[in-house]
Amino acid sequence: MMTYPEYLKSAARQSRYDARLWSRYLSKVIFLEGGYLTDSSVNELMESPELTTFQKVSLAEAFKKGTPTHDYIVSLTQPAKMTALTRVKAMVEND
């Protein structure tokens, strides 16, 4: 069975130089209420030569609650808010 650091190392190889894909991988292990990574897991990943500098920085920021990167990663797993579409639908139904 693959550990989460192993999963992210594999993800780092597959998403090298693709920020959007890397963000999707991070969204699988970082959630609003926490995540699967521990401090030691993050430290292990930060020392890994398999991650690019960008991947390391974005991982570190995504791991910190309250940062814009964390908020973005968490938002990837949240359902879309369709308020504008709901208003348009209501307008069409009223006509």
Protein backbone atom coordinates (compact mmCIF):
# COMPACT_ATOMS: atom_id res chain seq x y z
CA MET A 1 0.00 0.00 0.00
CA MET A 2 1.25 3.45 -0.90
CA THR A 3 1.76 6.05 1.84
CA TYR A 4 0.65 9.65 1.34
CA PRO A 5 4.21 10.96 0.93
CA GLU A 6 4.82 8.24 -1.69
CA TYR A 7 1.55 9.21 -3.39
CA LEU A 8 2.60 12.87 -3.56
CA LYS A 9 6.07 11.99 -4.82
CA SER A 10 4.48 10.01 -7.63
CA ALA A 11 2.06 12.88 -8.22
CA ALA A 12 4.98 15.31 -8.33
CA ARG A 13 6.62 13.31 -11.10
CA GLN A 14 3.39 13.14 -13.09
CA SER A 15 2.51 16.81 -12.64
CA ARG A 16 5.98 18.27 -13.06
CA TYR A 17 5.57 21.82 -14.46
CA ASP A 18 1.75 21.54 -14.45
CA ALA A 19 0.46 23.68 -11.58
CA ARG A 20 -3.19 22.87 -12.19
CA LEU A 21 -2.60 19.11 -12.02
CA TRP A 22 -0.38 19.48 -8.94
CA SER A 23 -3.19 21.44 -7.26
CA ARG A 24 -5.65 18.66 -8.04
CA TYR A 25 -3.30 16.12 -6.46
CA LEU A 26 -2.95 18.30 -3.35
CA SER A 27 -6.73 18.54 -3.10
CA LYS A 28 -6.83 14.76 -2.63
CA VAL A 29 -4.81 14.95 0.61
CA ILE A 30 -5.61 18.41 2.06
CA PHE A 31 -9.13 19.27 3.21
CA LEU A 32 -10.96 22.04 5.04
CA GLU A 33 -11.06 20.01 8.26
CA GLY A 34 -7.47 18.78 8.00
CA GLY A 35 -5.99 16.20 5.73
CA TYR A 36 -3.94 13.07 5.46
CA LEU A 37 -0.53 14.72 5.86
CA THR A 38 1.39 15.08 9.10
CA ASP A 39 4.16 17.54 9.88
CA SER A 40 6.71 14.76 9.41
CA SER A 41 5.17 13.83 6.04
CA VAL A 42 5.45 17.42 4.85
CA ASN A 43 9.04 17.63 6.08
CA GLU A 44 9.87 14.41 4.22
CA LEU A 45 8.37 15.84 1.03
CA MET A 46 10.20 19.16 1.46
CA GLU A 47 13.50 17.30 1.52
CA SER A 48 12.64 15.13 -1.48
CA PRO A 49 14.49 15.88 -4.73
CA GLU A 50 11.46 14.55 -6.63
CA LEU A 51 9.48 17.75 -6.01
CA THR A 52 10.25 20.96 -7.87
CA THR A 53 10.74 24.17 -5.92
CA PHE A 54 7.27 25.33 -6.97
CA GLN A 55 5.73 22.07 -5.74
CA LYS A 56 7.51 22.38 -2.39
CA VAL A 57 6.42 25.99 -1.88
CA SER A 58 2.82 25.30 -2.89
CA LEU A 59 2.70 22.23 -0.63
CA ALA A 60 4.02 24.22 2.32
CA GLU A 61 1.49 27.00 1.74
CA ALA A 62 -1.40 24.59 1.11
CA PHE A 63 -0.62 22.85 4.40
CA LYS A 64 -1.01 26.15 6.36
CA LYS A 65 -4.65 26.92 7.12
CA GLY A 66 -5.73 30.44 6.24
CA THR A 67 -3.32 31.00 3.37
CA PRO A 68 -4.67 31.80 -0.09
CA THR A 69 -3.09 28.58 -1.40
CA HIS A 70 -4.81 26.49 1.28
CA ASP A 71 -8.14 28.17 0.52
CA TYR A 72 -7.70 27.49 -3.21
CA ILE A 73 -6.79 23.82 -2.71
CA VAL A 74 -9.75 23.31 -0.37
CA SER A 75 -12.09 25.08 -2.82
CA LEU A 76 -11.27 22.47 -5.47
CA THR A 77 -13.19 19.86 -3.49
CA GLN A 78 -16.16 22.06 -2.61
CA PRO A 79 -19.35 21.98 -4.67
CA ALA A 80 -19.74 24.85 -7.12
CA LYS A 81 -21.88 27.76 -6.04
CA MET A 82 -24.38 28.34 -8.80
CA THR A 83 -25.96 31.56 -7.51
CA ALA A 84 -25.74 33.39 -10.85
CA LEU A 85 -27.20 30.42 -12.70
CA THR A 86 -30.00 30.14 -10.14
CA ARG A 87 -30.88 33.82 -10.67
CA VAL A 88 -30.95 33.40 -14.45
CA LYS A 89 -33.12 30.31 -14.11
CA ALA A 90 -35.55 32.21 -11.87
CA MET A 91 -35.70 35.08 -14.39
CA VAL A 92 -36.49 32.68 -17.23
CA GLU A 93 -39.16 30.91 -15.21
CA ASN A 94 -40.81 34.25 -14.30
CA ASP A 95 -41.12 35.34 -17.93
